[in-house]
């Protein structure tokens, strides 16, 4: 009886070990999910916080440059007709001649790096420059903005990501896979609207994807959508 009791205890103990062994992968997966969610929250916090800091610095810099108080500037912004301001900007660029291409490109790059929606600018490029030239200007400007945001993410946040994923072989494997298939991944994601363009530029910089593959994938993947938005501007000009 003692032998059978020990055997039963051993079997129960062995069964418990098996159950615990079966639970470990599930617990590990839960841990990876929690780590991924925590990482996503921190990344969004840092990126959005940095963009907010840049916008705030620009705001107070403008106040200091013009000699206006922040309250006066805020009131003026709240009373601004956005559509009319865009029309005025389009008319101003149209009157600059060839320099308008450079001016437009600078405005577009700044808007993209500050996560300001640039779709109206893409459409206005078609209105100003036509489909072919407008697409070229917007595509090059968007690629420059994406490259700049990528460098910021790579220089400032990559080391933090490496420390974050050091304890997870799954995340390390994913990061390595991204580096090997960087061009295909970036191209497919640029062709789909799964990730916001401006924020994703910083996120790509935190991965191991090669810079050249990233730029090439962005340039090709962003082309169809750019052409579509620019064409709307050209059609609008023809109709008007």
C-alpha atoms as a PDB file:
ATOM      1  CA  UNK A   1       0.000   0.000   0.000  1.00  0.00           C
ATOM      2  CA  UNK A   2       2.866   2.303   0.800  1.00  0.00           C
ATOM      3  CA  UNK A   3       4.413   1.492  -2.567  1.00  0.00           C
ATOM      4  CA  UNK A   4       1.149   2.135  -4.361  1.00  0.00           C
ATOM      5  CA  UNK A   5       0.715   5.358  -2.403  1.00  0.00           C
ATOM      6  CA  UNK A   6       4.168   6.502  -3.381  1.00  0.00           C
ATOM      7  CA  UNK A   7       3.511   5.499  -6.965  1.00  0.00           C
ATOM      8  CA  UNK A   8       0.258   7.429  -7.000  1.00  0.00           C
ATOM      9  CA  UNK A   9       1.951  10.445  -5.474  1.00  0.00           C
ATOM     10  CA  UNK A  10       4.715  10.186  -8.034  1.00  0.00           C
ATOM     11  CA  UNK A  11       2.196   9.959 -10.838  1.00  0.00           C
ATOM     12  CA  UNK A  12       0.302  12.927  -9.455  1.00  0.00           C
ATOM     13  CA  UNK A  13       3.565  14.804  -9.017  1.00  0.00           C
ATOM     14  CA  UNK A  14       4.627  13.878 -12.550  1.00  0.00           C
ATOM     15  CA  UNK A  15       1.250  14.935 -13.914  1.00  0.00           C
ATOM     16  CA  UNK A  16       1.571  18.258 -12.164  1.00  0.00           C
ATOM     17  CA  UNK A  17       5.004  18.689 -13.682  1.00  0.00           C
ATOM     18  CA  UNK A  18       3.596  17.897 -17.116  1.00  0.00           C
ATOM     19  CA  UNK A  19       0.784  20.369 -16.636  1.00  0.00           C
ATOM     20  CA  UNK A  20       3.228  23.015 -15.493  1.00  0.00           C
ATOM     21  CA  UNK A  21       5.439  22.217 -18.447  1.00  0.00           C
ATOM     22  CA  UNK A  22       2.477  22.626 -20.768  1.00  0.00           C
ATOM     23  CA  UNK A  23       1.584  25.932 -19.157  1.00  0.00           C
ATOM     24  CA  UNK A  24       5.016  27.432 -19.618  1.00  0.00           C
ATOM     25  CA  UNK A  25       4.717  28.139 -23.352  1.00  0.00           C
ATOM     26  CA  UNK A  26       1.347  29.768 -22.769  1.00  0.00           C
ATOM     27  CA  UNK A  27       2.777  31.843 -19.945  1.00  0.00           C
ATOM     28  CA  UNK A  28       5.719  32.788 -22.138  1.00  0.00           C
ATOM     29  CA  UNK A  29       3.383  33.842 -24.941  1.00  0.00           C
ATOM     30  CA  UNK A  30       1.365  35.956 -22.523  1.00  0.00           C
ATOM     31  CA  UNK A  31       4.570  37.534 -21.330  1.00  0.00           C
ATOM     32  CA  UNK A  32       5.617  38.354 -24.887  1.00  0.00           C
ATOM     33  CA  UNK A  33       2.199  39.880 -25.622  1.00  0.00           C
ATOM     34  CA  UNK A  34       2.361  42.000 -22.489  1.00  0.00           C
ATOM     35  CA  UNK A  35       5.904  43.055 -23.373  1.00  0.00           C
ATOM     36  CA  UNK A  36       4.817  43.955 -26.898  1.00  0.00           C
ATOM     37  CA  UNK A  37       1.884  46.008 -25.627  1.00  0.00           C
ATOM     38  CA  UNK A  38       4.110  47.784 -23.134  1.00  0.00           C
ATOM     39  CA  UNK A  39       6.685  48.487 -25.842  1.00  0.00           C
ATOM     40  CA  UNK A  40       4.017  49.818 -28.201  1.00  0.00           C
ATOM     41  CA  UNK A  41       2.712  52.161 -25.520  1.00  0.00           C
ATOM     42  CA  UNK A  42       6.188  53.454 -24.705  1.00  0.00           C
ATOM     43  CA  UNK A  43       7.073  53.947 -28.361  1.00  0.00           C
ATOM     44  CA  UNK A  44       3.904  55.927 -29.021  1.00  0.00           C
ATOM     45  CA  UNK A  45       4.525  57.933 -25.869  1.00  0.00           C
ATOM     46  CA  UNK A  46       8.073  58.874 -26.854  1.00  0.00           C
ATOM     47  CA  UNK A  47       7.284  59.602 -30.507  1.00  0.00           C
ATOM     48  CA  UNK A  48       4.144  61.634 -29.838  1.00  0.00           C
ATOM     49  CA  UNK A  49       5.828  63.363 -26.908  1.00  0.00           C
ATOM     50  CA  UNK A  50       8.768  64.324 -29.102  1.00  0.00           C
ATOM     51  CA  UNK A  51       6.482  65.637 -31.835  1.00  0.00           C
ATOM     52  CA  UNK A  52       4.496  67.600 -29.269  1.00  0.00           C
ATOM     53  CA  UNK A  53       7.744  69.040 -27.936  1.00  0.00           C
ATOM     54  CA  UNK A  54       8.805  70.117 -31.431  1.00  0.00           C
ATOM     55  CA  UNK A  55       5.416  71.698 -32.081  1.00  0.00           C
ATOM     56  CA  UNK A  56       5.524  73.534 -28.743  1.00  0.00           C
ATOM     57  CA  UNK A  57       9.041  74.779 -29.407  1.00  0.00           C
ATOM     58  CA  UNK A  58       8.002  76.026 -32.836  1.00  0.00           C
ATOM     59  CA  UNK A  59       4.953  77.733 -31.362  1.00  0.00           C
ATOM     60  CA  UNK A  60       6.876  79.672 -28.716  1.00  0.00           C
ATOM     61  CA  UNK A  61       9.677  80.341 -31.184  1.00  0.00           C
ATOM     62  CA  UNK A  62       7.166  81.952 -33.516  1.00  0.00           C
ATOM     63  CA  UNK A  63       5.797  84.028 -30.624  1.00  0.00           C
ATOM     64  CA  UNK A  64       9.298  85.235 -29.746  1.00  0.00           C
ATOM     65  CA  UNK A  65      10.129  85.970 -33.394  1.00  0.00           C
ATOM     66  CA  UNK A  66       6.965  87.994 -34.053  1.00  0.00           C
ATOM     67  CA  UNK A  67       6.812  89.616 -30.612  1.00  0.00           C
ATOM     68  CA  UNK A  68       3.242  88.398 -30.028  1.00  0.00           C
ATOM     69  CA  UNK A  69       1.993  86.817 -26.834  1.00  0.00           C
ATOM     70  CA  UNK A  70       1.072  83.087 -26.877  1.00  0.00           C
ATOM     71  CA  UNK A  71      -2.547  84.001 -26.138  1.00  0.00           C
ATOM     72  CA  UNK A  72      -2.754  86.341 -29.127  1.00  0.00           C
ATOM     73  CA  UNK A  73      -1.252  83.692 -31.408  1.00  0.00           C
ATOM     74  CA  UNK A  74      -3.659  81.038 -30.085  1.00  0.00           C
ATOM     75  CA  UNK A  75      -6.637  83.326 -30.713  1.00  0.00           C
ATOM     76  CA  UNK A  76      -5.396  84.100 -34.232  1.00  0.00           C
ATOM     77  CA  UNK A  77      -4.974  80.387 -34.978  1.00  0.00           C
ATOM     78  CA  UNK A  78      -8.462  79.578 -33.707  1.00  0.00           C
ATOM     79  CA  UNK A  79      -9.934  82.256 -35.982  1.00  0.00           C
ATOM     80  CA  UNK A  80      -7.965  81.184 -39.054  1.00  0.00           C
ATOM     81  CA  UNK A  81      -9.873  79.807 -42.009  1.00  0.00           C
ATOM     82  CA  UNK A  82      -7.827  76.715 -42.850  1.00  0.00           C
ATOM     83  CA  UNK A  83      -9.206  76.378 -46.372  1.00  0.00           C
ATOM     84  CA  UNK A  84      -8.538  80.011 -47.167  1.00  0.00           C
ATOM     85  CA  UNK A  85      -5.040  79.756 -45.690  1.00  0.00           C
ATOM     86  CA  UNK A  86      -4.331  76.775 -47.918  1.00  0.00           C
ATOM     87  CA  UNK A  87      -5.611  78.675 -50.958  1.00  0.00           C
ATOM     88  CA  UNK A  88      -3.398  81.630 -50.056  1.00  0.00           C
ATOM     89  CA  UNK A  89      -0.403  79.326 -49.667  1.00  0.00           C
ATOM     90  CA  UNK A  90      -1.109  77.677 -53.017  1.00  0.00           C
ATOM     91  CA  UNK A  91      -1.392  81.081 -54.689  1.00  0.00           C
ATOM     92  CA  UNK A  92       1.851  82.252 -53.072  1.00  0.00           C
ATOM     93  CA  UNK A  93       3.761  79.160 -54.211  1.00  0.00           C
ATOM     94  CA  UNK A  94       2.269  79.434 -57.679  1.00  0.00           C
ATOM     95  CA  UNK A  95       3.690  82.932 -57.975  1.00  0.00           C
ATOM     96  CA  UNK A  96       7.216  81.893 -56.968  1.00  0.00           C
ATOM     97  CA  UNK A  97       7.988  80.137 -60.222  1.00  0.00           C
ATOM     98  CA  UNK A  98      10.679  77.421 -60.118  1.00  0.00           C
ATOM     99  CA  UNK A  99      11.546  78.292 -56.502  1.00  0.00           C
ATOM    100  CA  UNK A 100       8.027  77.192 -55.600  1.00  0.00           C
ATOM    101  CA  UNK A 101       9.085  73.556 -55.981  1.00  0.00           C
ATOM    102  CA  UNK A 102      11.701  73.958 -53.243  1.00  0.00           C
ATOM    103  CA  UNK A 103       9.372  75.960 -51.011  1.00  0.00           C
ATOM    104  CA  UNK A 104       6.618  73.390 -51.373  1.00  0.00           C
ATOM    105  CA  UNK A 105       9.042  70.537 -50.653  1.00  0.00           C
ATOM    106  CA  UNK A 106      10.257  72.185 -47.435  1.00  0.00           C
ATOM    107  CA  UNK A 107       6.701  72.737 -46.211  1.00  0.00           C
ATOM    108  CA  UNK A 108       5.798  69.139 -47.026  1.00  0.00           C
ATOM    109  CA  UNK A 109       8.840  67.659 -45.256  1.00  0.00           C
ATOM    110  CA  UNK A 110       8.197  69.694 -42.108  1.00  0.00           C
ATOM    111  CA  UNK A 111       4.510  68.711 -42.089  1.00  0.00           C
ATOM    112  CA  UNK A 112       5.305  65.006 -42.433  1.00  0.00           C
ATOM    113  CA  UNK A 113       7.983  64.997 -39.725  1.00  0.00           C
ATOM    114  CA  UNK A 114       5.595  66.757 -37.345  1.00  0.00           C
ATOM    115  CA  UNK A 115       2.851  64.189 -38.135  1.00  0.00           C
ATOM    116  CA  UNK A 116       0.633  66.843 -39.700  1.00  0.00           C
ATOM    117  CA  UNK A 117      -1.702  65.309 -42.330  1.00  0.00           C
ATOM    118  CA  UNK A 118      -0.157  66.146 -45.688  1.00  0.00           C
ATOM    119  CA  UNK A 119      -2.925  64.874 -47.976  1.00  0.00           C
ATOM    120  CA  UNK A 120      -4.172  68.416 -48.718  1.00  0.00           C
ATOM    121  CA  UNK A 121      -0.621  69.354 -49.700  1.00  0.00           C
ATOM    122  CA  UNK A 122      -0.393  66.331 -52.006  1.00  0.00           C
ATOM    123  CA  UNK A 123      -3.615  67.365 -53.721  1.00  0.00           C
ATOM    124  CA  UNK A 124      -2.454  70.966 -53.977  1.00  0.00           C
ATOM    125  CA  UNK A 125       0.723  69.743 -55.713  1.00  0.00           C
ATOM    126  CA  UNK A 126      -1.459  68.487 -58.542  1.00  0.00           C
ATOM    127  CA  UNK A 127      -3.246  71.823 -58.627  1.00  0.00           C
ATOM    128  CA  UNK A 128       0.043  73.733 -58.762  1.00  0.00           C
ATOM    129  CA  UNK A 129       2.397  71.596 -60.805  1.00  0.00           C
ATOM    130  CA  UNK A 130       0.244  69.086 -62.679  1.00  0.00           C
ATOM    131  CA  UNK A 131       0.162  65.308 -62.308  1.00  0.00           C
ATOM    132  CA  UNK A 132       3.690  64.406 -63.433  1.00  0.00           C
ATOM    133  CA  UNK A 133       5.665  67.181 -61.734  1.00  0.00           C
ATOM    134  CA  UNK A 134       3.386  67.204 -58.695  1.00  0.00           C
ATOM    135  CA  UNK A 135       3.802  63.468 -58.152  1.00  0.00           C
ATOM    136  CA  UNK A 136       7.578  63.772 -58.451  1.00  0.00           C
ATOM    137  CA  UNK A 137       7.757  66.653 -55.955  1.00  0.00           C
ATOM    138  CA  UNK A 138       5.484  64.979 -53.399  1.00  0.00           C
ATOM    139  CA  UNK A 139       7.170  61.600 -53.747  1.00  0.00           C
ATOM    140  CA  UNK A 140      10.665  63.008 -53.275  1.00  0.00           C
ATOM    141  CA  UNK A 141       9.520  65.221 -50.385  1.00  0.00           C
ATOM    142  CA  UNK A 142       7.774  62.329 -48.631  1.00  0.00           C
ATOM    143  CA  UNK A 143      10.853  60.143 -49.061  1.00  0.00           C
ATOM    144  CA  UNK A 144      13.114  62.832 -47.591  1.00  0.00           C
ATOM    145  CA  UNK A 145      10.742  63.244 -44.631  1.00  0.00           C
ATOM    146  CA  UNK A 146      10.597  59.467 -44.133  1.00  0.00           C
ATOM    147  CA  UNK A 147      14.400  59.242 -44.240  1.00  0.00           C
ATOM    148  CA  UNK A 148      14.742  62.042 -41.691  1.00  0.00           C
ATOM    149  CA  UNK A 149      12.275  60.459 -39.280  1.00  0.00           C
ATOM    150  CA  UNK A 150      14.006  57.094 -39.775  1.00  0.00           C
ATOM    151  CA  UNK A 151      17.361  58.579 -38.775  1.00  0.00           C
ATOM    152  CA  UNK A 152      15.808  60.161 -35.684  1.00  0.00           C
ATOM    153  CA  UNK A 153      14.319  56.819 -34.652  1.00  0.00           C
ATOM    154  CA  UNK A 154      17.563  54.949 -35.356  1.00  0.00           C
ATOM    155  CA  UNK A 155      19.837  57.378 -33.517  1.00  0.00           C
ATOM    156  CA  UNK A 156      17.676  58.211 -30.510  1.00  0.00           C
ATOM    157  CA  UNK A 157      15.547  55.107 -29.882  1.00  0.00           C
ATOM    158  CA  UNK A 158      17.304  52.048 -31.366  1.00  0.00           C
ATOM    159  CA  UNK A 159      19.497  51.369 -28.320  1.00  0.00           C
ATOM    160  CA  UNK A 160      16.436  51.495 -26.089  1.00  0.00           C
ATOM    161  CA  UNK A 161      14.660  48.934 -28.292  1.00  0.00           C
ATOM    162  CA  UNK A 162      17.686  46.621 -28.210  1.00  0.00           C
ATOM    163  CA  UNK A 163      17.621  46.659 -24.412  1.00  0.00           C
ATOM    164  CA  UNK A 164      13.882  46.087 -24.447  1.00  0.00           C
ATOM    165  CA  UNK A 165      13.970  42.962 -26.641  1.00  0.00           C
ATOM    166  CA  UNK A 166      17.142  41.527 -25.116  1.00  0.00           C
ATOM    167  CA  UNK A 167      15.100  39.186 -22.902  1.00  0.00           C
ATOM    168  CA  UNK A 168      12.861  37.821 -25.669  1.00  0.00           C
ATOM    169  CA  UNK A 169      14.229  35.533 -28.355  1.00  0.00           C
ATOM    170  CA  UNK A 170      10.957  35.855 -30.262  1.00  0.00           C
ATOM    171  CA  UNK A 171      11.290  39.616 -30.624  1.00  0.00           C
ATOM    172  CA  UNK A 172      14.945  39.220 -31.549  1.00  0.00           C
ATOM    173  CA  UNK A 173      13.955  36.733 -34.258  1.00  0.00           C
ATOM    174  CA  UNK A 174      11.270  39.108 -35.574  1.00  0.00           C
ATOM    175  CA  UNK A 175      13.747  41.982 -35.599  1.00  0.00           C
ATOM    176  CA  UNK A 176      16.244  39.823 -37.491  1.00  0.00           C
ATOM    177  CA  UNK A 177      13.583  38.754 -40.011  1.00  0.00           C
ATOM    178  CA  UNK A 178      12.701  42.394 -40.636  1.00  0.00           C
ATOM    179  CA  UNK A 179      16.347  43.155 -41.363  1.00  0.00           C
ATOM    180  CA  UNK A 180      16.545  40.318 -43.895  1.00  0.00           C
ATOM    181  CA  UNK A 181      13.259  41.110 -45.675  1.00  0.00           C
ATOM    182  CA  UNK A 182      13.277  44.843 -45.100  1.00  0.00           C
ATOM    183  CA  UNK A 183      12.542  45.956 -48.643  1.00  0.00           C
ATOM    184  CA  UNK A 184       9.594  43.581 -49.133  1.00  0.00           C
ATOM    185  CA  UNK A 185       8.127  44.432 -45.726  1.00  0.00           C
ATOM    186  CA  UNK A 186       8.391  48.200 -46.146  1.00  0.00           C
ATOM    187  CA  UNK A 187       7.039  48.022 -49.707  1.00  0.00           C
ATOM    188  CA  UNK A 188       3.974  46.022 -48.682  1.00  0.00           C
ATOM    189  CA  UNK A 189       3.243  48.214 -45.666  1.00  0.00           C
ATOM    190  CA  UNK A 190       3.585  51.374 -47.757  1.00  0.00           C
ATOM    191  CA  UNK A 191       1.097  49.982 -50.253  1.00  0.00           C
ATOM    192  CA  UNK A 192      -1.428  49.349 -47.458  1.00  0.00           C
ATOM    193  CA  UNK A 193      -2.887  51.871 -44.980  1.00  0.00           C
ATOM    194  CA  UNK A 194      -2.194  49.700 -41.930  1.00  0.00           C
ATOM    195  CA  UNK A 195       0.233  52.127 -40.298  1.00  0.00           C
ATOM    196  CA  UNK A 196       0.102  55.937 -40.226  1.00  0.00           C
ATOM    197  CA  UNK A 197       2.821  57.188 -42.566  1.00  0.00           C
ATOM    198  CA  UNK A 198       4.377  59.793 -40.263  1.00  0.00           C
ATOM    199  CA  UNK A 199       4.521  57.688 -37.088  1.00  0.00           C
ATOM    200  CA  UNK A 200       5.650  54.542 -38.892  1.00  0.00           C
ATOM    201  CA  UNK A 201       8.725  56.368 -40.196  1.00  0.00           C
ATOM    202  CA  UNK A 202      10.039  56.643 -36.641  1.00  0.00           C
ATOM    203  CA  UNK A 203       9.080  53.041 -35.875  1.00  0.00           C
ATOM    204  CA  UNK A 204      11.051  51.684 -38.837  1.00  0.00           C
ATOM    205  CA  UNK A 205      14.125  53.489 -37.548  1.00  0.00           C
ATOM    206  CA  UNK A 206      13.913  51.472 -34.339  1.00  0.00           C
ATOM    207  CA  UNK A 207      14.158  48.162 -36.223  1.00  0.00           C
ATOM    208  CA  UNK A 208      17.189  46.598 -37.908  1.00  0.00           C
ATOM    209  CA  UNK A 209      15.908  47.250 -41.418  1.00  0.00           C
ATOM    210  CA  UNK A 210      18.609  48.519 -43.770  1.00  0.00           C
ATOM    211  CA  UNK A 211      18.370  52.237 -44.550  1.00  0.00           C
ATOM    212  CA  UNK A 212      18.773  51.763 -48.315  1.00  0.00           C
ATOM    213  CA  UNK A 213      16.085  49.071 -48.443  1.00  0.00           C
ATOM    214  CA  UNK A 214      13.803  51.259 -46.343  1.00  0.00           C
ATOM    215  CA  UNK A 215      14.193  54.261 -48.671  1.00  0.00           C
ATOM    216  CA  UNK A 216      13.678  52.130 -51.784  1.00  0.00           C
ATOM    217  CA  UNK A 217      10.576  50.438 -50.337  1.00  0.00           C
ATOM    218  CA  UNK A 218       9.158  53.814 -49.287  1.00  0.00           C
ATOM    219  CA  UNK A 219       9.801  55.409 -52.667  1.00  0.00           C
ATOM    220  CA  UNK A 220       8.116  52.613 -54.623  1.00  0.00           C
ATOM    221  CA  UNK A 221       5.347  51.795 -52.158  1.00  0.00           C
ATOM    222  CA  UNK A 222       4.258  55.402 -51.697  1.00  0.00           C
ATOM    223  CA  UNK A 223       4.065  56.123 -55.435  1.00  0.00           C
ATOM    224  CA  UNK A 224       0.550  54.776 -56.254  1.00  0.00           C
ATOM    225  CA  UNK A 225      -1.182  56.638 -53.423  1.00  0.00           C
ATOM    226  CA  UNK A 226       0.758  59.803 -54.177  1.00  0.00           C
ATOM    227  CA  UNK A 227      -0.281  59.705 -57.825  1.00  0.00           C
ATOM    228  CA  UNK A 228      -3.926  59.276 -56.814  1.00  0.00           C
ATOM    229  CA  UNK A 229      -3.931  62.277 -54.460  1.00  0.00           C
ATOM    230  CA  UNK A 230      -2.029  64.472 -56.888  1.00  0.00           C
ATOM    231  CA  UNK A 231      -4.440  63.564 -59.691  1.00  0.00           C
ATOM    232  CA  UNK A 232      -7.350  64.834 -57.605  1.00  0.00           C
ATOM    233  CA  UNK A 233      -5.651  68.229 -57.432  1.00  0.00           C
ATOM    234  CA  UNK A 234      -5.104  68.356 -61.156  1.00  0.00           C
ATOM    235  CA  UNK A 235      -8.701  67.379 -61.845  1.00  0.00           C
ATOM    236  CA  UNK A 236      -9.870  70.071 -59.448  1.00  0.00           C
ATOM    237  CA  UNK A 237      -7.828  72.698 -61.257  1.00  0.00           C
ATOM    238  CA  UNK A 238      -9.204  71.633 -64.636  1.00  0.00           C
ATOM    239  CA  UNK A 239     -12.755  71.750 -63.305  1.00  0.00           C
ATOM    240  CA  UNK A 240     -12.255  75.177 -61.786  1.00  0.00           C
END
